[in-house]
PDB file of N, CA and C in Angstrom:
ATOM      1  N   UNK A   1      30.460 -15.263   4.783  1.00  0.00           N
ATOM      2  CA  UNK A   1      30.022 -14.584   6.002  1.00  0.00           C
ATOM      3  C   UNK A   1      28.803 -13.646   5.793  1.00  0.00           C
ATOM      4  N   UNK A   2      29.294 -12.344   4.752  1.00  0.00           N
ATOM      5  CA  UNK A   2      28.119 -11.639   4.371  1.00  0.00           C
ATOM      6  C   UNK A   2      27.134 -12.227   3.444  1.00  0.00           C
ATOM      7  N   UNK A   3      27.243 -13.268   2.819  1.00  0.00           N
ATOM      8  CA  UNK A   3      26.523 -13.983   1.971  1.00  0.00           C
ATOM      9  C   UNK A   3      24.922 -14.479   2.742  1.00  0.00           C
ATOM     10  N   UNK A   4      25.286 -14.537   3.980  1.00  0.00           N
ATOM     11  CA  UNK A   4      23.881 -15.264   4.638  1.00  0.00           C
ATOM     12  C   UNK A   4      23.837 -14.334   5.909  1.00  0.00           C
ATOM     13  N   UNK A   5      23.373 -13.112   6.070  1.00  0.00           N
ATOM     14  CA  UNK A   5      23.418 -12.314   7.454  1.00  0.00           C
ATOM     15  C   UNK A   5      22.099 -12.869   8.199  1.00  0.00           C
ATOM     16  N   UNK A   6      21.094 -13.548   7.827  1.00  0.00           N
ATOM     17  CA  UNK A   6      20.059 -13.824   8.680  1.00  0.00           C
ATOM     18  C   UNK A   6      20.573 -14.861   9.467  1.00  0.00           C
ATOM     19  N   UNK A   7      21.229 -15.924   8.939  1.00  0.00           N
ATOM     20  CA  UNK A   7      21.991 -17.041   9.729  1.00  0.00           C
ATOM     21  C   UNK A   7      22.949 -16.580  10.822  1.00  0.00           C
ATOM     22  N   UNK A   8      23.671 -15.481  10.429  1.00  0.00           N
ATOM     23  CA  UNK A   8      24.810 -14.858  11.266  1.00  0.00           C
ATOM     24  C   UNK A   8      23.983 -14.075  12.549  1.00  0.00           C
ATOM     25  N   UNK A   9      22.961 -13.493  12.160  1.00  0.00           N
ATOM     26  CA  UNK A   9      22.315 -12.639  13.154  1.00  0.00           C
ATOM     27  C   UNK A   9      21.579 -13.698  13.978  1.00  0.00           C
ATOM     28  N   UNK A  10      20.977 -14.792  13.728  1.00  0.00           N
ATOM     29  CA  UNK A  10      20.561 -16.138  14.481  1.00  0.00           C
ATOM     30  C   UNK A  10      21.657 -16.554  15.267  1.00  0.00           C
ATOM     31  N   UNK A  11      22.847 -16.649  14.593  1.00  0.00           N
ATOM     32  CA  UNK A  11      23.887 -17.194  15.619  1.00  0.00           C
ATOM     33  C   UNK A  11      24.172 -16.403  16.722  1.00  0.00           C
ATOM     34  N   UNK A  12      24.233 -15.138  16.511  1.00  0.00           N
ATOM     35  CA  UNK A  12      24.403 -13.983  17.296  1.00  0.00           C
ATOM     36  C   UNK A  12      23.999 -14.363  18.823  1.00  0.00           C
ATOM     37  N   UNK A  13      22.400 -14.939  18.627  1.00  0.00           N
ATOM     38  CA  UNK A  13      21.922 -14.950  19.883  1.00  0.00           C
ATOM     39  C   UNK A  13      21.358 -16.534  20.133  1.00  0.00           C
ATOM     40  N   UNK A  14      22.078 -17.381  19.427  1.00  0.00           N
ATOM     41  CA  UNK A  14      21.881 -18.851  19.573  1.00  0.00           C
ATOM     42  C   UNK A  14      22.545 -19.135  21.042  1.00  0.00           C
ATOM     43  N   UNK A  15      22.316 -20.258  21.499  1.00  0.00           N
ATOM     44  CA  UNK A  15      23.194 -20.825  22.785  1.00  0.00           C
ATOM     45  C   UNK A  15      24.441 -21.286  22.692  1.00  0.00           C
ATOM     46  N   UNK A  16      25.058 -21.391  21.359  1.00  0.00           N
ATOM     47  CA  UNK A  16      26.315 -21.648  20.720  1.00  0.00           C
ATOM     48  C   UNK A  16      27.077 -20.542  21.371  1.00  0.00           C
ATOM     49  N   UNK A  17      26.918 -19.354  20.880  1.00  0.00           N
ATOM     50  CA  UNK A  17      27.616 -18.111  21.316  1.00  0.00           C
ATOM     51  C   UNK A  17      27.675 -18.162  22.837  1.00  0.00           C
ATOM     52  N   UNK A  18      26.842 -18.482  23.717  1.00  0.00           N
ATOM     53  CA  UNK A  18      26.891 -18.131  25.183  1.00  0.00           C
ATOM     54  C   UNK A  18      27.443 -19.438  25.540  1.00  0.00           C
ATOM     55  N   UNK A  19      28.015 -20.726  24.910  1.00  0.00           N
ATOM     56  CA  UNK A  19      28.473 -21.696  25.549  1.00  0.00           C
ATOM     57  C   UNK A  19      29.901 -21.596  25.129  1.00  0.00           C
ATOM     58  N   UNK A  20      30.416 -20.580  24.185  1.00  0.00           N
ATOM     59  CA  UNK A  20      31.863 -20.312  24.024  1.00  0.00           C
ATOM     60  C   UNK A  20      32.167 -21.197  22.956  1.00  0.00           C
ATOM     61  N   UNK A  21      31.463 -21.546  21.852  1.00  0.00           N
ATOM     62  CA  UNK A  21      31.582 -22.236  20.504  1.00  0.00           C
ATOM     63  C   UNK A  21      32.176 -21.170  19.768  1.00  0.00           C
ATOM     64  N   UNK A  22      31.427 -20.193  19.785  1.00  0.00           N
ATOM     65  CA  UNK A  22      31.498 -19.273  18.784  1.00  0.00           C
ATOM     66  C   UNK A  22      32.016 -17.621  19.704  1.00  0.00           C
ATOM     67  N   UNK A  23      33.533 -17.683  19.981  1.00  0.00           N
ATOM     68  CA  UNK A  23      34.114 -16.558  20.522  1.00  0.00           C
ATOM     69  C   UNK A  23      33.995 -15.354  20.053  1.00  0.00           C
ATOM     70  N   UNK A  24      34.040 -15.257  18.834  1.00  0.00           N
ATOM     71  CA  UNK A  24      33.983 -13.781  18.168  1.00  0.00           C
ATOM     72  C   UNK A  24      32.814 -13.057  18.379  1.00  0.00           C
ATOM     73  N   UNK A  25      31.393 -14.101  18.157  1.00  0.00           N
ATOM     74  CA  UNK A  25      30.192 -13.676  18.561  1.00  0.00           C
ATOM     75  C   UNK A  25      30.196 -13.081  20.077  1.00  0.00           C
ATOM     76  N   UNK A  26      30.690 -13.879  20.878  1.00  0.00           N
ATOM     77  CA  UNK A  26      30.655 -13.352  22.442  1.00  0.00           C
ATOM     78  C   UNK A  26      31.491 -12.133  22.513  1.00  0.00           C
ATOM     79  N   UNK A  27      32.529 -12.137  21.898  1.00  0.00           N
ATOM     80  CA  UNK A  27      33.712 -10.783  22.245  1.00  0.00           C
ATOM     81  C   UNK A  27      32.584  -9.771  21.563  1.00  0.00           C
ATOM     82  N   UNK A  28      32.018  -9.473  20.376  1.00  0.00           N
ATOM     83  CA  UNK A  28      31.248  -8.498  19.603  1.00  0.00           C
ATOM     84  C   UNK A  28      30.021  -8.123  20.851  1.00  0.00           C
ATOM     85  N   UNK A  29      29.411  -9.281  21.269  1.00  0.00           N
ATOM     86  CA  UNK A  29      28.504  -8.865  22.037  1.00  0.00           C
ATOM     87  C   UNK A  29      28.746  -8.396  23.250  1.00  0.00           C
ATOM     88  N   UNK A  30      29.996  -8.831  23.963  1.00  0.00           N
ATOM     89  CA  UNK A  30      30.235  -8.225  25.090  1.00  0.00           C
ATOM     90  C   UNK A  30      31.042  -6.928  24.912  1.00  0.00           C
ATOM     91  N   UNK A  31      31.587  -6.522  23.759  1.00  0.00           N
ATOM     92  CA  UNK A  31      32.076  -5.099  23.259  1.00  0.00           C
ATOM     93  C   UNK A  31      31.022  -3.966  23.355  1.00  0.00           C
ATOM     94  N   UNK A  32      29.740  -4.748  22.606  1.00  0.00           N
ATOM     95  CA  UNK A  32      28.568  -3.875  22.485  1.00  0.00           C
ATOM     96  C   UNK A  32      27.838  -3.444  23.632  1.00  0.00           C
ATOM     97  N   UNK A  33      28.094  -4.542  24.571  1.00  0.00           N
ATOM     98  CA  UNK A  33      27.373  -4.545  26.058  1.00  0.00           C
ATOM     99  C   UNK A  33      28.169  -3.268  26.804  1.00  0.00           C
ATOM    100  N   UNK A  34      29.541  -3.617  26.825  1.00  0.00           N
ATOM    101  CA  UNK A  34      30.745  -2.454  27.345  1.00  0.00           C
ATOM    102  C   UNK A  34      30.044  -1.059  27.046  1.00  0.00           C
ATOM    103  N   UNK A  35      30.224  -0.936  25.543  1.00  0.00           N
ATOM    104  CA  UNK A  35      29.966   0.396  25.118  1.00  0.00           C
ATOM    105  C   UNK A  35      28.648   1.107  25.533  1.00  0.00           C
ATOM    106  N   UNK A  36      27.494   0.241  25.616  1.00  0.00           N
ATOM    107  CA  UNK A  36      26.300   0.628  26.170  1.00  0.00           C
ATOM    108  C   UNK A  36      26.212   1.008  27.486  1.00  0.00           C
ATOM    109  N   UNK A  37      26.999   0.214  28.320  1.00  0.00           N
ATOM    110  CA  UNK A  37      27.140   0.870  29.803  1.00  0.00           C
ATOM    111  C   UNK A  37      27.984   1.887  29.928  1.00  0.00           C
ATOM    112  N   UNK A  38      28.934   2.008  29.123  1.00  0.00           N
ATOM    113  CA  UNK A  38      29.886   3.286  29.145  1.00  0.00           C
ATOM    114  C   UNK A  38      29.106   4.333  28.736  1.00  0.00           C
ATOM    115  N   UNK A  39      28.188   4.377  27.770  1.00  0.00           N
ATOM    116  CA  UNK A  39      27.563   5.668  27.413  1.00  0.00           C
ATOM    117  C   UNK A  39      26.421   5.855  28.607  1.00  0.00           C
ATOM    118  N   UNK A  40      26.058   4.844  28.995  1.00  0.00           N
ATOM    119  CA  UNK A  40      25.004   5.236  30.021  1.00  0.00           C
ATOM    120  C   UNK A  40      25.664   5.773  31.241  1.00  0.00           C
ATOM    121  N   UNK A  41      26.554   5.217  31.700  1.00  0.00           N
ATOM    122  CA  UNK A  41      27.376   5.898  32.727  1.00  0.00           C
ATOM    123  C   UNK A  41      27.604   7.328  32.494  1.00  0.00           C
ATOM    124  N   UNK A  42      28.030   7.626  31.149  1.00  0.00           N
ATOM    125  CA  UNK A  42      28.601   9.024  30.719  1.00  0.00           C
ATOM    126  C   UNK A  42      27.244  10.003  30.965  1.00  0.00           C
ATOM    127  N   UNK A  43      25.868   9.616  30.631  1.00  0.00           N
ATOM    128  CA  UNK A  43      24.948  10.313  30.790  1.00  0.00           C
ATOM    129  C   UNK A  43      24.356  10.442  32.125  1.00  0.00           C
ATOM    130  N   UNK A  44      24.471   9.530  32.772  1.00  0.00           N
ATOM    131  CA  UNK A  44      23.928   9.340  34.583  1.00  0.00           C
ATOM    132  C   UNK A  44      24.806  10.231  35.294  1.00  0.00           C
ATOM    133  N   UNK A  45      26.251  10.113  34.942  1.00  0.00           N
ATOM    134  CA  UNK A  45      26.909  10.857  36.216  1.00  0.00           C
ATOM    135  C   UNK A  45      26.785  12.271  36.193  1.00  0.00           C
ATOM    136  N   UNK A  46      27.028  13.425  34.945  1.00  0.00           N
ATOM    137  CA  UNK A  46      26.559  14.545  35.010  1.00  0.00           C
ATOM    138  C   UNK A  46      25.437  14.692  35.767  1.00  0.00           C
ATOM    139  N   UNK A  47      24.293  14.189  35.203  1.00  0.00           N
ATOM    140  CA  UNK A  47      22.936  14.374  35.920  1.00  0.00           C
ATOM    141  C   UNK A  47      22.867  14.190  37.279  1.00  0.00           C
ATOM    142  N   UNK A  48      23.691  13.115  37.984  1.00  0.00           N
ATOM    143  CA  UNK A  48      23.437  13.071  39.417  1.00  0.00           C
ATOM    144  C   UNK A  48      24.094  13.806  40.234  1.00  0.00           C
ATOM    145  N   UNK A  49      25.644  14.455  39.633  1.00  0.00           N
ATOM    146  CA  UNK A  49      26.356  15.400  40.149  1.00  0.00           C
ATOM    147  C   UNK A  49      25.729  16.801  40.345  1.00  0.00           C
ATOM    148  N   UNK A  50      24.912  16.948  39.442  1.00  0.00           N
ATOM    149  CA  UNK A  50      24.181  18.567  38.811  1.00  0.00           C
ATOM    150  C   UNK A  50      23.032  18.510  39.985  1.00  0.00           C
ATOM    151  N   UNK A  51      22.560  17.435  40.249  1.00  0.00           N
ATOM    152  CA  UNK A  51      21.223  17.177  40.866  1.00  0.00           C
ATOM    153  C   UNK A  51      21.425  16.931  42.394  1.00  0.00           C
ATOM    154  N   UNK A  52      22.894  16.769  43.016  1.00  0.00           N
ATOM    155  CA  UNK A  52      23.080  16.677  44.235  1.00  0.00           C
ATOM    156  C   UNK A  52      22.877  18.076  45.063  1.00  0.00           C
ATOM    157  N   UNK A  53      22.415  17.857  46.296  1.00  0.00           N
ATOM    158  CA  UNK A  53      22.142  19.090  47.019  1.00  0.00           C
ATOM    159  C   UNK A  53      23.377  19.829  47.273  1.00  0.00           C
ATOM    160  N   UNK A  54      24.727  19.383  47.640  1.00  0.00           N
ATOM    161  CA  UNK A  54      25.767  20.231  47.896  1.00  0.00           C
ATOM    162  C   UNK A  54      26.445  20.984  46.824  1.00  0.00           C
ATOM    163  N   UNK A  55      26.268  20.721  45.687  1.00  0.00           N
ATOM    164  CA  UNK A  55      26.248  21.244  44.192  1.00  0.00           C
ATOM    165  C   UNK A  55      25.491  22.614  44.147  1.00  0.00           C
ATOM    166  N   UNK A  56      24.191  22.224  44.612  1.00  0.00           N
ATOM    167  CA  UNK A  56      23.185  23.062  44.252  1.00  0.00           C
ATOM    168  C   UNK A  56      23.441  24.457  45.261  1.00  0.00           C
ATOM    169  N   UNK A  57      23.855  24.429  46.352  1.00  0.00           N
ATOM    170  CA  UNK A  57      23.940  25.344  47.339  1.00  0.00           C
ATOM    171  C   UNK A  57      25.600  25.557  47.409  1.00  0.00           C
ATOM    172  N   UNK A  58      25.724  26.872  47.401  1.00  0.00           N
ATOM    173  CA  UNK A  58      27.282  27.449  47.413  1.00  0.00           C
ATOM    174  C   UNK A  58      27.770  27.473  48.685  1.00  0.00           C
TER     175      UNK A  58
END
């Protein structure tokens, strides 16, 4: 696995991982996407709350 990183990186984005032939790559890709979405939500929610008009006026 670690002896050939370029092939592994290529397999990560190959059609095989999306067809379900490489479930580990699909799991890692999905987990990375979920982490990205959660961090984006964590950054966006406080900003939208502080910018809402009912929060600005007491």
